[in-house]
Amino acid sequence: MARQKQIYARPALCAGCRICANACAVVNRGVANPRLGAIRIRQNLIERYEFQEICRHCEEPPCLDACMVGCISKDARTGLVIQDQSRCVGCWMCLMVCPFGAVGRDVANHVAIKCNRCQDRKTPACVEACPTGALVFEAREDAVFEPFFTEPTVAS
């Protein structure tokens, strides 16, 4: 069975510039603010590396079960875990249960921020904007459970 396309991160190529988060915020929220992007870049300044936190659209998403108002759903056709922000009450339960730290907060609007994988675009905005090729959007048979990989690779 063919896998759905996923966003994969190659942390060894990440420069920590946050252009991906800014592109996400512009496309999905209409503002240039990387804090409002659904992808977050975390840095470990001691060991000197960056890594990306982004929704993995889990097979059995804990955020779906935790959402008390039911604004998170899973599309049976695409496998995407989608959030209806207009119904979100900002209880942050989805944020608390996500094992990957992939749900963020828009404190000003009191709603959760979750990746919808730019479902209306051919390529997600974060992948398109990444200047180093640290993010790729592809279907991989060998990455069923762990969509993030860390081996050094060369951007194409």
N, C-alpha and C. Protein backbone atom coordinates (compact mmCIF):
# COMPACT_ATOMS: atom_id res chain seq x y z
N MET A 1 0.84 -1.18 0.00
CA MET A 1 0.00 0.00 0.00
C MET A 1 0.88 1.24 0.00
N ALA A 2 0.58 2.19 -0.86
CA ALA A 2 1.36 3.42 -0.96
C ALA A 2 1.07 4.33 0.24
N ARG A 3 2.09 4.92 0.77
CA ARG A 3 1.95 5.82 1.90
C ARG A 3 1.55 7.22 1.42
N GLN A 4 0.85 7.94 2.27
CA GLN A 4 0.53 9.33 1.98
C GLN A 4 1.81 10.16 2.09
N LYS A 5 1.87 11.23 1.35
CA LYS A 5 3.02 12.12 1.47
C LYS A 5 3.06 12.74 2.86
N GLN A 6 4.26 12.88 3.38
CA GLN A 6 4.49 13.48 4.69
C GLN A 6 5.56 14.55 4.56
N ILE A 7 5.63 15.44 5.53
CA ILE A 7 6.72 16.39 5.62
C ILE A 7 7.79 15.73 6.48
N TYR A 8 8.97 15.57 5.90
CA TYR A 8 10.09 14.98 6.62
C TYR A 8 11.13 16.05 6.87
N ALA A 9 11.74 16.00 8.03
CA ALA A 9 12.78 16.97 8.39
C ALA A 9 14.14 16.31 8.35
N ARG A 10 15.10 17.07 7.88
CA ARG A 10 16.49 16.63 7.90
C ARG A 10 17.24 17.63 8.78
N PRO A 11 17.24 17.38 10.09
CA PRO A 11 17.81 18.35 11.04
C PRO A 11 19.25 18.75 10.74
N ALA A 12 20.02 17.88 10.13
CA ALA A 12 21.41 18.21 9.84
C ALA A 12 21.51 19.37 8.84
N LEU A 13 20.44 19.61 8.08
CA LEU A 13 20.46 20.70 7.10
C LEU A 13 19.79 21.96 7.60
N CYS A 14 19.17 21.90 8.76
CA CYS A 14 18.43 23.05 9.29
C CYS A 14 19.39 24.12 9.80
N ALA A 15 19.18 25.34 9.33
CA ALA A 15 20.01 26.47 9.76
C ALA A 15 19.36 27.23 10.92
N GLY A 16 18.15 26.83 11.30
CA GLY A 16 17.46 27.50 12.39
C GLY A 16 16.93 28.88 12.02
N CYS A 17 16.74 29.15 10.73
CA CYS A 17 16.35 30.49 10.25
C CYS A 17 14.88 30.81 10.50
N ARG A 18 14.06 29.80 10.67
CA ARG A 18 12.62 29.93 10.91
C ARG A 18 11.83 30.49 9.71
N ILE A 19 12.42 30.43 8.54
CA ILE A 19 11.70 30.87 7.34
C ILE A 19 10.49 29.96 7.11
N CYS A 20 10.63 28.68 7.42
CA CYS A 20 9.51 27.74 7.26
C CYS A 20 8.32 28.13 8.14
N ALA A 21 8.59 28.50 9.38
CA ALA A 21 7.53 28.89 10.31
C ALA A 21 6.87 30.19 9.86
N ASN A 22 7.68 31.11 9.35
CA ASN A 22 7.14 32.38 8.87
C ASN A 22 6.26 32.16 7.64
N ALA A 23 6.70 31.30 6.72
CA ALA A 23 5.90 30.99 5.52
C ALA A 23 4.58 30.35 5.92
N CYS A 24 4.61 29.47 6.88
CA CYS A 24 3.39 28.82 7.38
C CYS A 24 2.43 29.86 7.94
N ALA A 25 2.94 30.77 8.76
CA ALA A 25 2.09 31.80 9.36
C ALA A 25 1.49 32.71 8.29
N VAL A 26 2.26 33.08 7.29
CA VAL A 26 1.77 33.96 6.23
C VAL A 26 0.66 33.26 5.44
N VAL A 27 0.89 32.02 5.04
CA VAL A 27 -0.08 31.28 4.22
C VAL A 27 -1.34 30.93 5.01
N ASN A 28 -1.18 30.50 6.26
CA ASN A 28 -2.34 29.99 7.02
C ASN A 28 -3.00 31.01 7.94
N ARG A 29 -2.27 32.07 8.34
CA ARG A 29 -2.85 33.04 9.26
C ARG A 29 -2.79 34.47 8.76
N GLY A 30 -2.13 34.67 7.61
CA GLY A 30 -2.09 35.99 7.00
C GLY A 30 -1.18 37.00 7.69
N VAL A 31 -0.27 36.54 8.55
CA VAL A 31 0.65 37.45 9.22
C VAL A 31 2.05 36.87 9.20
N ALA A 32 3.02 37.75 9.07
CA ALA A 32 4.42 37.31 9.06
C ALA A 32 4.93 37.27 10.51
N ASN A 33 4.68 36.13 11.16
CA ASN A 33 5.11 35.94 12.54
C ASN A 33 5.44 34.47 12.74
N PRO A 34 6.72 34.10 12.80
CA PRO A 34 7.07 32.68 12.93
C PRO A 34 6.50 32.00 14.17
N ARG A 35 6.13 32.77 15.18
CA ARG A 35 5.52 32.17 16.38
C ARG A 35 4.12 31.64 16.10
N LEU A 36 3.53 32.07 15.01
CA LEU A 36 2.19 31.61 14.65
C LEU A 36 2.22 30.52 13.58
N GLY A 37 3.40 30.07 13.22
CA GLY A 37 3.53 28.96 12.27
C GLY A 37 3.27 27.64 12.97
N ALA A 38 2.78 26.66 12.23
CA ALA A 38 2.50 25.35 12.81
C ALA A 38 3.74 24.48 12.89
N ILE A 39 4.86 24.96 12.40
CA ILE A 39 6.13 24.25 12.56
C ILE A 39 7.00 25.12 13.46
N ARG A 40 7.62 24.46 14.43
CA ARG A 40 8.50 25.18 15.34
C ARG A 40 9.91 24.62 15.25
N ILE A 41 10.87 25.52 15.35
CA ILE A 41 12.27 25.12 15.33
C ILE A 41 12.79 25.24 16.75
N ARG A 42 13.26 24.13 17.27
CA ARG A 42 13.85 24.12 18.62
C ARG A 42 15.35 24.03 18.46
N GLN A 43 16.06 24.71 19.32
CA GLN A 43 17.51 24.70 19.26
C GLN A 43 18.09 24.18 20.56
N ASN A 44 19.14 23.40 20.43
CA ASN A 44 19.92 22.99 21.58
C ASN A 44 21.26 23.71 21.42
N LEU A 45 21.41 24.79 22.14
CA LEU A 45 22.60 25.62 21.96
C LEU A 45 23.86 24.98 22.55
N ILE A 46 23.69 24.06 23.48
CA ILE A 46 24.85 23.39 24.07
C ILE A 46 25.44 22.39 23.08
N GLU A 47 24.58 21.55 22.51
CA GLU A 47 25.07 20.55 21.56
C GLU A 47 25.04 21.07 20.12
N ARG A 48 24.56 22.28 19.93
CA ARG A 48 24.55 22.98 18.65
C ARG A 48 23.80 22.24 17.53
N TYR A 49 22.51 22.08 17.72
CA TYR A 49 21.69 21.54 16.65
C TYR A 49 20.28 22.10 16.75
N GLU A 50 19.59 22.07 15.63
CA GLU A 50 18.21 22.49 15.55
C GLU A 50 17.36 21.28 15.16
N PHE A 51 16.11 21.28 15.60
CA PHE A 51 15.19 20.24 15.14
C PHE A 51 13.81 20.85 14.99
N GLN A 52 13.02 20.25 14.13
CA GLN A 52 11.70 20.76 13.78
C GLN A 52 10.62 19.97 14.49
N GLU A 53 9.64 20.69 15.02
CA GLU A 53 8.47 20.07 15.60
C GLU A 53 7.29 20.38 14.68
N ILE A 54 6.71 19.33 14.13
CA ILE A 54 5.59 19.50 13.20
C ILE A 54 4.65 18.30 13.34
N CYS A 55 3.37 18.53 13.10
CA CYS A 55 2.38 17.47 13.24
C CYS A 55 2.71 16.30 12.32
N ARG A 56 2.61 15.12 12.86
CA ARG A 56 2.91 13.91 12.09
C ARG A 56 1.64 13.21 11.60
N HIS A 57 0.49 13.81 11.86
CA HIS A 57 -0.79 13.26 11.41
C HIS A 57 -0.86 11.77 11.75
N CYS A 58 -0.81 11.51 13.05
CA CYS A 58 -0.76 10.15 13.61
C CYS A 58 -1.89 9.25 13.12
N GLU A 59 -1.60 7.95 13.11
CA GLU A 59 -2.64 6.97 12.78
C GLU A 59 -3.78 7.05 13.80
N GLU A 60 -3.41 7.10 15.07
CA GLU A 60 -4.39 7.23 16.16
C GLU A 60 -4.02 8.48 16.96
N PRO A 61 -4.45 9.65 16.50
CA PRO A 61 -4.01 10.91 17.10
C PRO A 61 -4.58 11.14 18.51
N PRO A 62 -3.70 11.32 19.49
CA PRO A 62 -4.19 11.59 20.84
C PRO A 62 -4.88 12.94 20.95
N CYS A 63 -4.52 13.89 20.08
CA CYS A 63 -5.14 15.21 20.12
C CYS A 63 -6.63 15.12 19.78
N LEU A 64 -6.98 14.22 18.89
CA LEU A 64 -8.37 14.05 18.48
C LEU A 64 -9.22 13.63 19.68
N ASP A 65 -8.73 12.65 20.44
CA ASP A 65 -9.46 12.18 21.62
C ASP A 65 -9.48 13.21 22.74
N ALA A 66 -8.43 14.03 22.84
CA ALA A 66 -8.33 14.99 23.92
C ALA A 66 -9.16 16.25 23.70
N CYS A 67 -9.51 16.54 22.46
CA CYS A 67 -10.23 17.78 22.16
C CYS A 67 -11.65 17.71 22.71
N MET A 68 -11.93 18.56 23.68
CA MET A 68 -13.22 18.50 24.37
C MET A 68 -14.37 19.09 23.55
N VAL A 69 -14.07 19.89 22.53
CA VAL A 69 -15.14 20.46 21.71
C VAL A 69 -15.25 19.80 20.35
N GLY A 70 -14.36 18.87 20.06
CA GLY A 70 -14.43 18.15 18.79
C GLY A 70 -14.00 18.95 17.58
N CYS A 71 -13.10 19.89 17.76
CA CYS A 71 -12.67 20.68 16.60
C CYS A 71 -11.54 20.01 15.84
N ILE A 72 -11.05 18.88 16.33
CA ILE A 72 -10.01 18.13 15.62
C ILE A 72 -10.65 16.86 15.07
N SER A 73 -10.39 16.62 13.79
CA SER A 73 -10.94 15.42 13.14
C SER A 73 -9.88 14.82 12.24
N LYS A 74 -10.10 13.58 11.85
CA LYS A 74 -9.18 12.90 10.95
C LYS A 74 -9.92 12.60 9.65
N ASP A 75 -9.36 13.06 8.55
CA ASP A 75 -9.95 12.83 7.23
C ASP A 75 -9.64 11.39 6.82
N ALA A 76 -10.65 10.58 6.66
CA ALA A 76 -10.46 9.16 6.33
C ALA A 76 -9.81 8.97 4.96
N ARG A 77 -10.05 9.89 4.05
CA ARG A 77 -9.49 9.77 2.70
C ARG A 77 -8.01 10.14 2.65
N THR A 78 -7.66 11.26 3.26
CA THR A 78 -6.28 11.75 3.17
C THR A 78 -5.41 11.34 4.35
N GLY A 79 -6.02 11.00 5.47
CA GLY A 79 -5.25 10.67 6.67
C GLY A 79 -4.80 11.89 7.45
N LEU A 80 -5.20 13.09 7.00
CA LEU A 80 -4.80 14.31 7.68
C LEU A 80 -5.62 14.52 8.95
N VAL A 81 -4.94 14.99 9.99
CA VAL A 81 -5.60 15.35 11.24
C VAL A 81 -5.80 16.86 11.17
N ILE A 82 -7.06 17.27 11.02
CA ILE A 82 -7.40 18.66 10.74
C ILE A 82 -8.07 19.30 11.95
N GLN A 83 -7.75 20.57 12.14
CA GLN A 83 -8.35 21.34 13.23
C GLN A 83 -9.22 22.45 12.66
N ASP A 84 -10.42 22.60 13.20
CA ASP A 84 -11.30 23.70 12.85
C ASP A 84 -11.08 24.78 13.89
N GLN A 85 -10.21 25.75 13.57
CA GLN A 85 -9.85 26.77 14.55
C GLN A 85 -11.02 27.62 15.00
N SER A 86 -12.05 27.73 14.19
CA SER A 86 -13.20 28.55 14.57
C SER A 86 -13.95 27.94 15.76
N ARG A 87 -13.77 26.66 15.99
CA ARG A 87 -14.43 25.98 17.12
C ARG A 87 -13.53 25.81 18.33
N CYS A 88 -12.23 26.08 18.18
CA CYS A 88 -11.27 25.88 19.26
C CYS A 88 -11.53 26.86 20.40
N VAL A 89 -11.52 26.35 21.63
CA VAL A 89 -11.75 27.19 22.81
C VAL A 89 -10.46 27.45 23.58
N GLY A 90 -9.35 26.97 23.08
CA GLY A 90 -8.06 27.23 23.72
C GLY A 90 -7.89 26.54 25.06
N CYS A 91 -8.36 25.32 25.18
CA CYS A 91 -8.19 24.59 26.45
C CYS A 91 -6.79 23.97 26.55
N TRP A 92 -6.10 23.88 25.42
CA TRP A 92 -4.73 23.36 25.29
C TRP A 92 -4.60 21.87 25.59
N MET A 93 -5.69 21.14 25.63
CA MET A 93 -5.61 19.70 25.87
C MET A 93 -4.84 19.00 24.75
N CYS A 94 -5.05 19.41 23.50
CA CYS A 94 -4.33 18.81 22.37
C CYS A 94 -2.83 19.05 22.52
N LEU A 95 -2.47 20.21 22.98
CA LEU A 95 -1.08 20.56 23.20
C LEU A 95 -0.45 19.65 24.26
N MET A 96 -1.21 19.40 25.31
CA MET A 96 -0.69 18.59 26.42
C MET A 96 -0.51 17.12 26.07
N VAL A 97 -1.33 16.59 25.18
CA VAL A 97 -1.25 15.16 24.89
C VAL A 97 -0.39 14.81 23.68
N CYS A 98 -0.02 15.79 22.88
CA CYS A 98 0.78 15.50 21.69
C CYS A 98 2.17 15.01 22.09
N PRO A 99 2.52 13.78 21.73
CA PRO A 99 3.82 13.23 22.13
C PRO A 99 5.00 13.84 21.37
N PHE A 100 4.72 14.64 20.34
CA PHE A 100 5.78 15.21 19.53
C PHE A 100 5.94 16.71 19.71
N GLY A 101 5.15 17.31 20.59
CA GLY A 101 5.23 18.74 20.81
C GLY A 101 4.84 19.53 19.58
N ALA A 102 3.95 18.97 18.77
CA ALA A 102 3.64 19.55 17.47
C ALA A 102 2.47 20.52 17.48
N VAL A 103 1.82 20.69 18.60
CA VAL A 103 0.70 21.63 18.67
C VAL A 103 1.17 22.86 19.44
N GLY A 104 0.94 24.02 18.85
CA GLY A 104 1.37 25.26 19.47
C GLY A 104 0.18 26.07 19.96
N ARG A 105 0.49 27.27 20.47
CA ARG A 105 -0.56 28.13 21.00
C ARG A 105 -0.50 29.50 20.35
N ASP A 106 -1.66 30.01 19.97
CA ASP A 106 -1.81 31.41 19.59
C ASP A 106 -2.47 32.04 20.80
N VAL A 107 -1.65 32.59 21.68
CA VAL A 107 -2.14 33.12 22.95
C VAL A 107 -3.06 34.33 22.73
N ALA A 108 -2.74 35.17 21.76
CA ALA A 108 -3.55 36.37 21.51
C ALA A 108 -4.98 36.02 21.11
N ASN A 109 -5.14 35.00 20.27
CA ASN A 109 -6.47 34.59 19.81
C ASN A 109 -7.03 33.43 20.61
N HIS A 110 -6.26 32.92 21.53
CA HIS A 110 -6.66 31.83 22.43
C HIS A 110 -7.13 30.58 21.67
N VAL A 111 -6.28 30.15 20.70
CA VAL A 111 -6.56 28.94 19.94
C VAL A 111 -5.27 28.13 19.79
N ALA A 112 -5.44 26.84 19.57
CA ALA A 112 -4.30 25.97 19.30
C ALA A 112 -3.88 26.14 17.84
N ILE A 113 -2.59 25.92 17.59
CA ILE A 113 -2.06 25.98 16.23
C ILE A 113 -1.55 24.60 15.86
N LYS A 114 -2.10 24.03 14.80
CA LYS A 114 -1.74 22.69 14.36
C LYS A 114 -1.59 22.66 12.85
N CYS A 115 -0.64 21.91 12.37
CA CYS A 115 -0.38 21.81 10.93
C CYS A 115 -1.55 21.13 10.21
N ASN A 116 -1.97 21.73 9.11
CA ASN A 116 -2.99 21.10 8.26
C ASN A 116 -2.36 20.61 6.96
N ARG A 117 -1.03 20.62 6.94
CA ARG A 117 -0.21 20.21 5.81
C ARG A 117 -0.58 20.96 4.53
N CYS A 118 -1.02 22.19 4.69
CA CYS A 118 -1.40 23.05 3.55
C CYS A 118 -2.22 22.25 2.54
N GLN A 119 -3.30 21.67 3.01
CA GLN A 119 -4.10 20.75 2.22
C GLN A 119 -4.61 21.32 0.91
N ASP A 120 -4.68 22.65 0.79
CA ASP A 120 -5.15 23.25 -0.45
C ASP A 120 -4.02 23.61 -1.41
N ARG A 121 -2.78 23.25 -1.05
CA ARG A 121 -1.62 23.53 -1.89
C ARG A 121 -0.96 22.22 -2.33
N LYS A 122 -0.29 22.26 -3.45
CA LYS A 122 0.41 21.07 -3.94
C LYS A 122 1.59 20.70 -3.02
N THR A 123 2.32 21.71 -2.57
CA THR A 123 3.45 21.52 -1.66
C THR A 123 3.24 22.42 -0.45
N PRO A 124 3.42 21.91 0.76
CA PRO A 124 3.27 22.75 1.95
C PRO A 124 4.19 23.97 1.91
N ALA A 125 3.70 25.07 2.45
CA ALA A 125 4.44 26.34 2.43
C ALA A 125 5.80 26.22 3.10
N CYS A 126 5.88 25.47 4.19
CA CYS A 126 7.16 25.35 4.92
C CYS A 126 8.21 24.66 4.06
N VAL A 127 7.80 23.63 3.33
CA VAL A 127 8.73 22.89 2.47
C VAL A 127 9.18 23.77 1.31
N GLU A 128 8.23 24.47 0.71
CA GLU A 128 8.52 25.35 -0.41
C GLU A 128 9.49 26.46 -0.03
N ALA A 129 9.36 26.98 1.17
CA ALA A 129 10.16 28.13 1.60
C ALA A 129 11.53 27.77 2.16
N CYS A 130 11.74 26.53 2.55
CA CYS A 130 12.99 26.15 3.22
C CYS A 130 14.19 26.35 2.28
N PRO A 131 15.11 27.27 2.64
CA PRO A 131 16.23 27.57 1.74
C PRO A 131 17.33 26.51 1.72
N THR A 132 17.38 25.64 2.72
CA THR A 132 18.47 24.66 2.78
C THR A 132 18.05 23.25 2.39
N GLY A 133 16.76 23.03 2.13
CA GLY A 133 16.28 21.69 1.81
C GLY A 133 16.14 20.81 3.03
N ALA A 134 16.05 21.42 4.21
CA ALA A 134 15.91 20.64 5.44
C ALA A 134 14.54 19.99 5.55
N LEU A 135 13.57 20.50 4.81
CA LEU A 135 12.23 19.92 4.81
C LEU A 135 11.93 19.37 3.42
N VAL A 136 11.38 18.17 3.38
CA VAL A 136 10.98 17.57 2.12
C VAL A 136 9.56 17.04 2.27
N PHE A 137 8.84 16.95 1.16
CA PHE A 137 7.47 16.46 1.14
C PHE A 137 7.42 15.30 0.19
N GLU A 138 7.33 14.09 0.75
CA GLU A 138 7.37 12.90 -0.10
C GLU A 138 6.73 11.71 0.60
N ALA A 139 6.41 10.71 -0.18
CA ALA A 139 5.90 9.45 0.35
C ALA A 139 7.09 8.51 0.50
N ARG A 140 7.21 7.88 1.66
CA ARG A 140 8.33 6.98 1.90
C ARG A 140 7.80 5.69 2.50
N GLU A 141 8.13 4.60 1.89
CA GLU A 141 7.71 3.29 2.41
C GLU A 141 8.49 2.90 3.66
N ASP A 142 9.72 3.42 3.79
CA ASP A 142 10.58 3.00 4.88
C ASP A 142 10.43 3.82 6.16
N ALA A 143 9.48 4.75 6.20
CA ALA A 143 9.34 5.61 7.37
C ALA A 143 7.90 5.61 7.87
N VAL A 144 7.39 4.43 8.15
CA VAL A 144 6.00 4.30 8.55
C VAL A 144 5.73 4.96 9.90
N PHE A 145 6.56 4.68 10.90
CA PHE A 145 6.29 5.16 12.25
C PHE A 145 7.10 6.39 12.63
N GLU A 146 8.21 6.62 11.99
CA GLU A 146 9.09 7.72 12.37
C GLU A 146 9.35 8.63 11.17
N PRO A 147 8.49 9.64 10.94
CA PRO A 147 8.65 10.45 9.75
C PRO A 147 9.83 11.42 9.79
N PHE A 148 10.46 11.62 10.93
CA PHE A 148 11.62 12.49 10.98
C PHE A 148 12.87 11.63 10.95
N PHE A 149 13.84 12.00 10.13
CA PHE A 149 15.08 11.24 10.09
C PHE A 149 16.25 12.20 10.28
N THR A 150 17.36 11.69 10.73
CA THR A 150 18.45 12.58 11.13
C THR A 150 19.76 12.35 10.41
N GLU A 151 19.81 11.34 9.54
CA GLU A 151 21.10 11.10 8.88
C GLU A 151 21.46 12.27 7.97
N PRO A 152 22.75 12.61 7.89
CA PRO A 152 23.17 13.71 7.02
C PRO A 152 22.84 13.39 5.56
N THR A 153 22.24 14.35 4.90
CA THR A 153 21.90 14.18 3.49
C THR A 153 22.23 15.47 2.75
N VAL A 154 22.20 15.41 1.46
CA VAL A 154 22.49 16.58 0.64
C VAL A 154 21.18 17.03 0.02
N ALA A 155 20.92 18.32 0.10
CA ALA A 155 19.69 18.86 -0.50
C ALA A 155 19.77 18.73 -2.02
N SER A 156 18.67 18.32 -2.62
CA SER A 156 18.66 18.19 -4.08
C SER A 156 18.35 19.49 -4.75
